All heavy atoms as atom14 arrays in JSON, in Angstrom:
{
  "sequence": "ASGKTNLLKAFKFLKDFWFKKQSNAYDGTNVKPFKL",
  "atom14_mask": [
    [1, 1, 1, 1, 1, 0, 0, 0, 0, 0, 0, 0, 0, 0],
    [1, 1, 1, 1, 1, 1, 0, 0, 0, 0, 0, 0, 0, 0],
    [1, 1, 1, 1, 0, 0, 0, 0, 0, 0, 0, 0, 0, 0],
    [1, 1, 1, 1, 1, 1, 1, 1, 1, 0, 0, 0, 0, 0],
    [1, 1, 1, 1, 1, 1, 1, 0, 0, 0, 0, 0, 0, 0],
    [1, 1, 1, 1, 1, 1, 1, 1, 0, 0, 0, 0, 0, 0],
    [1, 1, 1, 1, 1, 1, 1, 1, 0, 0, 0, 0, 0, 0],
    [1, 1, 1, 1, 1, 1, 1, 1, 0, 0, 0, 0, 0, 0],
    [1, 1, 1, 1, 1, 1, 1, 1, 1, 0, 0, 0, 0, 0],
    [1, 1, 1, 1, 1, 0, 0, 0, 0, 0, 0, 0, 0, 0],
    [1, 1, 1, 1, 1, 1, 1, 1, 1, 1, 1, 0, 0, 0],
    [1, 1, 1, 1, 1, 1, 1, 1, 1, 0, 0, 0, 0, 0],
    [1, 1, 1, 1, 1, 1, 1, 1, 1, 1, 1, 0, 0, 0],
    [1, 1, 1, 1, 1, 1, 1, 1, 0, 0, 0, 0, 0, 0],
    [1, 1, 1, 1, 1, 1, 1, 1, 1, 0, 0, 0, 0, 0],
    [1, 1, 1, 1, 1, 1, 1, 1, 0, 0, 0, 0, 0, 0],
    [1, 1, 1, 1, 1, 1, 1, 1, 1, 1, 1, 0, 0, 0],
    [1, 1, 1, 1, 1, 1, 1, 1, 1, 1, 1, 1, 1, 1],
    [1, 1, 1, 1, 1, 1, 1, 1, 1, 1, 1, 0, 0, 0],
    [1, 1, 1, 1, 1, 1, 1, 1, 1, 0, 0, 0, 0, 0],
    [1, 1, 1, 1, 1, 1, 1, 1, 1, 0, 0, 0, 0, 0],
    [1, 1, 1, 1, 1, 1, 1, 1, 1, 0, 0, 0, 0, 0],
    [1, 1, 1, 1, 1, 1, 0, 0, 0, 0, 0, 0, 0, 0],
    [1, 1, 1, 1, 1, 1, 1, 1, 0, 0, 0, 0, 0, 0],
    [1, 1, 1, 1, 1, 0, 0, 0, 0, 0, 0, 0, 0, 0],
    [1, 1, 1, 1, 1, 1, 1, 1, 1, 1, 1, 1, 0, 0],
    [1, 1, 1, 1, 1, 1, 1, 1, 0, 0, 0, 0, 0, 0],
    [1, 1, 1, 1, 0, 0, 0, 0, 0, 0, 0, 0, 0, 0],
    [1, 1, 1, 1, 1, 1, 1, 0, 0, 0, 0, 0, 0, 0],
    [1, 1, 1, 1, 1, 1, 1, 1, 0, 0, 0, 0, 0, 0],
    [1, 1, 1, 1, 1, 1, 1, 0, 0, 0, 0, 0, 0, 0],
    [1, 1, 1, 1, 1, 1, 1, 1, 1, 0, 0, 0, 0, 0],
    [1, 1, 1, 1, 1, 1, 1, 0, 0, 0, 0, 0, 0, 0],
    [1, 1, 1, 1, 1, 1, 1, 1, 1, 1, 1, 0, 0, 0],
    [1, 1, 1, 1, 1, 1, 1, 1, 1, 0, 0, 0, 0, 0],
    [1, 1, 1, 1, 1, 1, 1, 1, 0, 0, 0, 0, 0, 0]
  ],
  "atom14_positions": [
    [[-21.1, -53.77, 2.48], [-19.83, -54.0, 1.79], [-19.9, -53.73, 0.3], [-19.01, -54.15, -0.45], [-19.3, -55.42, 2.05], [0.0, 0.0, 0.0], [0.0, 0.0, 0.0], [0.0, 0.0, 0.0], [0.0, 0.0, 0.0], [0.0, 0.0, 0.0], [0.0, 0.0, 0.0], [0.0, 0.0, 0.0], [0.0, 0.0, 0.0], [0.0, 0.0, 0.0]],
    [[-20.92, -53.0, -0.15], [-21.02, -52.68, -1.57], [-20.15, -51.5, -1.97], [-19.87, -51.31, -3.15], [-22.48, -52.41, -1.96], [-22.95, -51.23, -1.32], [0.0, 0.0, 0.0], [0.0, 0.0, 0.0], [0.0, 0.0, 0.0], [0.0, 0.0, 0.0], [0.0, 0.0, 0.0], [0.0, 0.0, 0.0], [0.0, 0.0, 0.0], [0.0, 0.0, 0.0]],
    [[-19.76, -50.66, -0.98], [-18.87, -49.54, -1.28], [-19.47, -48.16, -1.12], [-18.82, -47.16, -1.43], [0.0, 0.0, 0.0], [0.0, 0.0, 0.0], [0.0, 0.0, 0.0], [0.0, 0.0, 0.0], [0.0, 0.0, 0.0], [0.0, 0.0, 0.0], [0.0, 0.0, 0.0], [0.0, 0.0, 0.0], [0.0, 0.0, 0.0], [0.0, 0.0, 0.0]],
    [[-20.72, -48.08, -0.61], [-21.34, -46.76, -0.47], [-20.58, -45.87, 0.51], [-20.44, -44.66, 0.28], [-22.81, -46.88, -0.08], [-23.1, -47.55, 1.25], [-24.59, -47.66, 1.47], [-24.88, -48.32, 2.82], [-24.38, -49.73, 2.86], [0.0, 0.0, 0.0], [0.0, 0.0, 0.0], [0.0, 0.0, 0.0], [0.0, 0.0, 0.0], [0.0, 0.0, 0.0]],
    [[-20.09, -46.46, 1.6], [-19.31, -45.68, 2.56], [-18.0, -45.18, 1.94], [-17.51, -44.1, 2.27], [-19.01, -46.52, 3.82], [-20.24, -46.77, 4.51], [-18.07, -45.79, 4.77], [0.0, 0.0, 0.0], [0.0, 0.0, 0.0], [0.0, 0.0, 0.0], [0.0, 0.0, 0.0], [0.0, 0.0, 0.0], [0.0, 0.0, 0.0], [0.0, 0.0, 0.0]],
    [[-17.45, -45.97, 1.01], [-16.19, -45.58, 0.37], [-16.32, -44.31, -0.45], [-15.35, -43.57, -0.64], [-15.66, -46.72, -0.49], [-15.24, -47.92, 0.34], [-14.98, -47.8, 1.54], [-15.18, -49.09, -0.28], [0.0, 0.0, 0.0], [0.0, 0.0, 0.0], [0.0, 0.0, 0.0], [0.0, 0.0, 0.0], [0.0, 0.0, 0.0], [0.0, 0.0, 0.0]],
    [[-17.52, -44.05, -0.97], [-17.74, -42.78, -1.68], [-17.57, -41.61, -0.72], [-16.9, -40.62, -1.03], [-19.13, -42.76, -2.3], [-19.55, -41.42, -2.94], [-18.63, -41.08, -4.1], [-21.0, -41.46, -3.39], [0.0, 0.0, 0.0], [0.0, 0.0, 0.0], [0.0, 0.0, 0.0], [0.0, 0.0, 0.0], [0.0, 0.0, 0.0], [0.0, 0.0, 0.0]],
    [[-18.14, -41.72, 0.46], [-18.0, -40.65, 1.45], [-16.57, -40.57, 1.97], [-16.08, -39.49, 2.31], [-18.98, -40.87, 2.61], [-20.41, -40.36, 2.35], [-21.14, -41.21, 1.31], [-21.22, -40.33, 3.64], [0.0, 0.0, 0.0], [0.0, 0.0, 0.0], [0.0, 0.0, 0.0], [0.0, 0.0, 0.0], [0.0, 0.0, 0.0], [0.0, 0.0, 0.0]],
    [[-15.89, -41.73, 2.02], [-14.48, -41.73, 2.45], [-13.6, -40.98, 1.46], [-12.56, -40.43, 1.84], [-13.99, -43.17, 2.62], [-14.47, -43.84, 3.9], [-13.87, -45.23, 4.04], [-14.3, -45.88, 5.35], [-13.73, -47.24, 5.52], [0.0, 0.0, 0.0], [0.0, 0.0, 0.0], [0.0, 0.0, 0.0], [0.0, 0.0, 0.0], [0.0, 0.0, 0.0]],
    [[-13.98, -40.96, 0.19], [-13.22, -40.21, -0.81], [-13.25, -38.72, -0.49], [-12.23, -38.02, -0.56], [-13.77, -40.48, -2.21], [0.0, 0.0, 0.0], [0.0, 0.0, 0.0], [0.0, 0.0, 0.0], [0.0, 0.0, 0.0], [0.0, 0.0, 0.0], [0.0, 0.0, 0.0], [0.0, 0.0, 0.0], [0.0, 0.0, 0.0], [0.0, 0.0, 0.0]],
    [[-14.44, -38.21, -0.14], [-14.56, -36.81, 0.25], [-13.79, -36.54, 1.54], [-13.13, -35.51, 1.67], [-16.03, -36.43, 0.43], [-16.79, -36.27, -0.86], [-17.58, -37.3, -1.33], [-16.7, -35.1, -1.59], [-18.28, -37.16, -2.53], [-17.41, -34.96, -2.79], [-18.19, -35.99, -3.25], [0.0, 0.0, 0.0], [0.0, 0.0, 0.0], [0.0, 0.0, 0.0]],
    [[-13.87, -37.48, 2.48], [-13.15, -37.32, 3.74], [-11.64, -37.32, 3.52], [-10.91, -36.52, 4.13], [-13.53, -38.42, 4.72], [-12.75, -38.37, 6.04], [-13.24, -39.36, 7.05], [-12.32, -39.43, 8.26], [-12.07, -38.1, 8.87], [0.0, 0.0, 0.0], [0.0, 0.0, 0.0], [0.0, 0.0, 0.0], [0.0, 0.0, 0.0], [0.0, 0.0, 0.0]],
    [[-11.17, -38.21, 2.65], [-9.74, -38.25, 2.36], [-9.25, -36.9, 1.84], [-8.21, -36.39, 2.28], [-9.41, -39.35, 1.35], [-7.99, -39.26, 0.84], [-6.93, -39.71, 1.61], [-7.71, -38.67, -0.39], [-5.63, -39.58, 1.16], [-6.4, -38.54, -0.84], [-5.36, -39.0, -0.07], [0.0, 0.0, 0.0], [0.0, 0.0, 0.0], [0.0, 0.0, 0.0]],
    [[-9.98, -36.33, 0.88], [-9.58, -35.05, 0.32], [-9.56, -33.97, 1.4], [-8.61, -33.19, 1.47], [-10.53, -34.65, -0.81], [-10.41, -35.45, -2.11], [-11.51, -35.05, -3.08], [-9.03, -35.25, -2.76], [0.0, 0.0, 0.0], [0.0, 0.0, 0.0], [0.0, 0.0, 0.0], [0.0, 0.0, 0.0], [0.0, 0.0, 0.0], [0.0, 0.0, 0.0]],
    [[-10.58, -33.9, 2.23], [-10.64, -32.91, 3.31], [-9.43, -33.03, 4.22], [-8.8, -32.03, 4.58], [-11.94, -33.09, 4.09], [-12.06, -32.21, 5.35], [-12.23, -30.75, 5.0], [-12.46, -29.93, 6.26], [-12.59, -28.47, 5.98], [0.0, 0.0, 0.0], [0.0, 0.0, 0.0], [0.0, 0.0, 0.0], [0.0, 0.0, 0.0], [0.0, 0.0, 0.0]],
    [[-9.1, -34.26, 4.62], [-7.97, -34.49, 5.51], [-6.64, -34.17, 4.81], [-5.74, -33.58, 5.41], [-7.96, -35.94, 6.0], [-9.14, -36.26, 6.89], [-9.77, -35.33, 7.43], [-9.45, -37.47, 7.06], [0.0, 0.0, 0.0], [0.0, 0.0, 0.0], [0.0, 0.0, 0.0], [0.0, 0.0, 0.0], [0.0, 0.0, 0.0], [0.0, 0.0, 0.0]],
    [[-6.53, -34.56, 3.56], [-5.28, -34.4, 2.83], [-4.95, -32.94, 2.56], [-3.78, -32.53, 2.66], [-5.34, -35.17, 1.51], [-4.16, -34.98, 0.61], [-2.95, -35.58, 0.9], [-4.23, -34.18, -0.52], [-1.84, -35.39, 0.09], [-3.14, -33.98, -1.34], [-1.94, -34.59, -1.04], [0.0, 0.0, 0.0], [0.0, 0.0, 0.0], [0.0, 0.0, 0.0]],
    [[-5.95, -32.14, 2.22], [-5.69, -30.77, 1.82], [-4.93, -29.96, 2.86], [-4.08, -29.15, 2.53], [-7.02, -30.06, 1.5], [-7.58, -30.42, 0.17], [-6.88, -30.69, -0.97], [-8.97, -30.54, -0.17], [-7.75, -30.97, -2.0], [-9.04, -30.88, -1.54], [-10.15, -30.38, 0.54], [-10.24, -31.08, -2.19], [-11.36, -30.58, -0.12], [-11.4, -30.93, -1.48]],
    [[-5.21, -30.17, 4.13], [-4.64, -29.3, 5.15], [-3.82, -30.02, 6.21], [-3.53, -29.46, 7.26], [-5.75, -28.48, 5.8], [-6.45, -27.57, 4.84], [-7.72, -27.87, 4.36], [-5.83, -26.43, 4.36], [-8.35, -27.05, 3.43], [-6.46, -25.59, 3.45], [-7.72, -25.9, 2.99], [0.0, 0.0, 0.0], [0.0, 0.0, 0.0], [0.0, 0.0, 0.0]],
    [[-3.42, -31.26, 5.92], [-2.57, -31.98, 6.86], [-1.11, -31.64, 6.59], [-0.56, -31.96, 5.54], [-2.79, -33.48, 6.75], [-1.95, -34.26, 7.77], [-2.2, -35.75, 7.71], [-1.37, -36.47, 8.76], [-1.58, -37.89, 8.77], [0.0, 0.0, 0.0], [0.0, 0.0, 0.0], [0.0, 0.0, 0.0], [0.0, 0.0, 0.0], [0.0, 0.0, 0.0]],
    [[-0.49, -31.0, 7.56], [0.93, -30.68, 7.46], [1.76, -31.89, 7.87], [1.62, -32.41, 8.97], [1.26, -29.49, 8.36], [2.73, -29.08, 8.31], [3.03, -27.98, 9.31], [4.52, -27.69, 9.34], [4.86, -26.67, 10.37], [0.0, 0.0, 0.0], [0.0, 0.0, 0.0], [0.0, 0.0, 0.0], [0.0, 0.0, 0.0], [0.0, 0.0, 0.0]],
    [[2.58, -32.37, 6.97], [3.44, -33.51, 7.24], [4.74, -33.05, 7.9], [5.31, -32.01, 7.53], [3.76, -34.27, 5.96], [2.54, -34.85, 5.25], [2.01, -36.1, 5.92], [2.42, -36.45, 7.04], [1.1, -36.8, 5.27], [0.0, 0.0, 0.0], [0.0, 0.0, 0.0], [0.0, 0.0, 0.0], [0.0, 0.0, 0.0], [0.0, 0.0, 0.0]],
    [[5.21, -33.82, 8.89], [6.46, -33.47, 9.58], [7.68, -33.94, 8.81], [8.76, -33.35, 8.94], [6.46, -34.06, 10.99], [6.27, -35.47, 10.95], [0.0, 0.0, 0.0], [0.0, 0.0, 0.0], [0.0, 0.0, 0.0], [0.0, 0.0, 0.0], [0.0, 0.0, 0.0], [0.0, 0.0, 0.0], [0.0, 0.0, 0.0], [0.0, 0.0, 0.0]],
    [[7.52, -35.0, 8.03], [8.62, -35.46, 7.19], [8.08, -36.1, 5.93], [6.88, -36.41, 5.85], [9.55, -36.42, 7.95], [8.85, -37.71, 8.34], [8.58, -38.57, 7.49], [8.53, -37.85, 9.63], [0.0, 0.0, 0.0], [0.0, 0.0, 0.0], [0.0, 0.0, 0.0], [0.0, 0.0, 0.0], [0.0, 0.0, 0.0], [0.0, 0.0, 0.0]],
    [[8.95, -36.33, 4.98], [8.52, -36.81, 3.67], [8.37, -38.32, 3.6], [8.07, -38.87, 2.53], [9.52, -36.35, 2.61], [0.0, 0.0, 0.0], [0.0, 0.0, 0.0], [0.0, 0.0, 0.0], [0.0, 0.0, 0.0], [0.0, 0.0, 0.0], [0.0, 0.0, 0.0], [0.0, 0.0, 0.0], [0.0, 0.0, 0.0], [0.0, 0.0, 0.0]],
    [[8.54, -39.02, 4.73], [8.55, -40.48, 4.72], [7.31, -41.1, 5.34], [7.2, -42.31, 5.45], [9.8, -40.99, 5.45], [11.08, -40.41, 4.9], [11.75, -39.39, 5.58], [11.6, -40.85, 3.69], [12.91, -38.84, 5.08], [12.76, -40.31, 3.17], [13.41, -39.3, 3.86], [14.56, -38.75, 3.34], [0.0, 0.0, 0.0], [0.0, 0.0, 0.0]],
    [[6.35, -40.26, 5.72], [5.15, -40.78, 6.37], [4.09, -41.27, 5.39], [3.1, -41.87, 5.78], [4.52, -39.7, 7.26], [5.35, -39.42, 8.49], [6.15, -40.29, 8.88], [5.21, -38.33, 9.08], [0.0, 0.0, 0.0], [0.0, 0.0, 0.0], [0.0, 0.0, 0.0], [0.0, 0.0, 0.0], [0.0, 0.0, 0.0], [0.0, 0.0, 0.0]],
    [[4.29, -41.01, 4.11], [3.32, -41.43, 3.11], [2.15, -40.47, 2.98], [2.05, -39.47, 3.71], [0.0, 0.0, 0.0], [0.0, 0.0, 0.0], [0.0, 0.0, 0.0], [0.0, 0.0, 0.0], [0.0, 0.0, 0.0], [0.0, 0.0, 0.0], [0.0, 0.0, 0.0], [0.0, 0.0, 0.0], [0.0, 0.0, 0.0], [0.0, 0.0, 0.0]],
    [[1.24, -40.76, 2.06], [0.12, -39.87, 1.77], [-1.18, -40.31, 2.42], [-2.17, -39.57, 2.38], [-0.11, -39.79, 0.26], [-0.45, -41.1, -0.24], [1.14, -39.28, -0.47], [0.0, 0.0, 0.0], [0.0, 0.0, 0.0], [0.0, 0.0, 0.0], [0.0, 0.0, 0.0], [0.0, 0.0, 0.0], [0.0, 0.0, 0.0], [0.0, 0.0, 0.0]],
    [[-1.22, -41.52, 2.97], [-2.41, -42.1, 3.61], [-3.5, -42.47, 2.62], [-4.62, -42.82, 3.04], [-2.98, -41.15, 4.67], [-2.04, -40.94, 5.84], [-1.42, -41.88, 6.33], [-1.92, -39.69, 6.29], [0.0, 0.0, 0.0], [0.0, 0.0, 0.0], [0.0, 0.0, 0.0], [0.0, 0.0, 0.0], [0.0, 0.0, 0.0], [0.0, 0.0, 0.0]],
    [[-3.23, -42.42, 1.33], [-4.22, -42.86, 0.36], [-4.29, -44.39, 0.37], [-3.31, -45.07, 0.64], [-3.89, -42.34, -1.06], [-2.74, -43.13, -1.7], [-5.11, -42.39, -1.95], [0.0, 0.0, 0.0], [0.0, 0.0, 0.0], [0.0, 0.0, 0.0], [0.0, 0.0, 0.0], [0.0, 0.0, 0.0], [0.0, 0.0, 0.0], [0.0, 0.0, 0.0]],
    [[-5.49, -44.92, 0.09], [-5.7, -46.36, 0.1], [-6.16, -46.82, -1.28], [-7.34, -46.68, -1.63], [-6.73, -46.74, 1.16], [-6.28, -46.44, 2.59], [-7.34, -46.84, 3.6], [-6.87, -46.55, 5.02], [-7.9, -46.92, 6.03], [0.0, 0.0, 0.0], [0.0, 0.0, 0.0], [0.0, 0.0, 0.0], [0.0, 0.0, 0.0], [0.0, 0.0, 0.0]],
    [[-5.27, -47.4, -2.06], [-5.65, -47.88, -3.39], [-6.45, -49.18, -3.32], [-6.55, -49.8, -2.25], [-4.3, -48.11, -4.09], [-3.38, -48.45, -2.95], [-3.84, -47.63, -1.78], [0.0, 0.0, 0.0], [0.0, 0.0, 0.0], [0.0, 0.0, 0.0], [0.0, 0.0, 0.0], [0.0, 0.0, 0.0], [0.0, 0.0, 0.0], [0.0, 0.0, 0.0]],
    [[-7.01, -49.58, -4.44], [-7.68, -50.87, -4.56], [-6.65, -51.98, -4.36], [-5.65, -52.04, -5.07], [-8.34, -50.99, -5.93], [-9.12, -52.26, -6.13], [-10.39, -52.41, -5.59], [-8.58, -53.3, -6.87], [-11.11, -53.58, -5.79], [-9.29, -54.48, -7.08], [-10.56, -54.61, -6.53], [0.0, 0.0, 0.0], [0.0, 0.0, 0.0], [0.0, 0.0, 0.0]],
    [[-6.89, -52.88, -3.4], [-5.87, -53.85, -3.02], [-6.18, -55.28, -3.43], [-5.41, -56.19, -3.13], [-5.63, -53.79, -1.51], [-4.99, -52.48, -1.05], [-4.6, -52.51, 0.4], [-3.86, -51.23, 0.79], [-3.41, -51.25, 2.21], [0.0, 0.0, 0.0], [0.0, 0.0, 0.0], [0.0, 0.0, 0.0], [0.0, 0.0, 0.0], [0.0, 0.0, 0.0]],
    [[-7.29, -55.49, -4.13], [-7.63, -56.84, -4.55], [-7.13, -57.12, -5.96], [-7.69, -57.92, -6.7], [-9.16, -57.04, -4.47], [-9.77, -56.81, -3.09], [-11.27, -57.05, -3.12], [-9.11, -57.7, -2.04], [0.0, 0.0, 0.0], [0.0, 0.0, 0.0], [0.0, 0.0, 0.0], [0.0, 0.0, 0.0], [0.0, 0.0, 0.0], [0.0, 0.0, 0.0]]
  ]
}
C-alpha cells in the first residue's frame, strides 16, 4: 500500500486513454484523482 503499483497504473492509464474511443461525452475520462 505504499503506491509502487500506482506508478505502473499511471503508465497503464495513459496506454488505455490514448486509444479508447468513447461512444458519448458523458462516460467520463476514467482518471482517478487523489481522494483522501
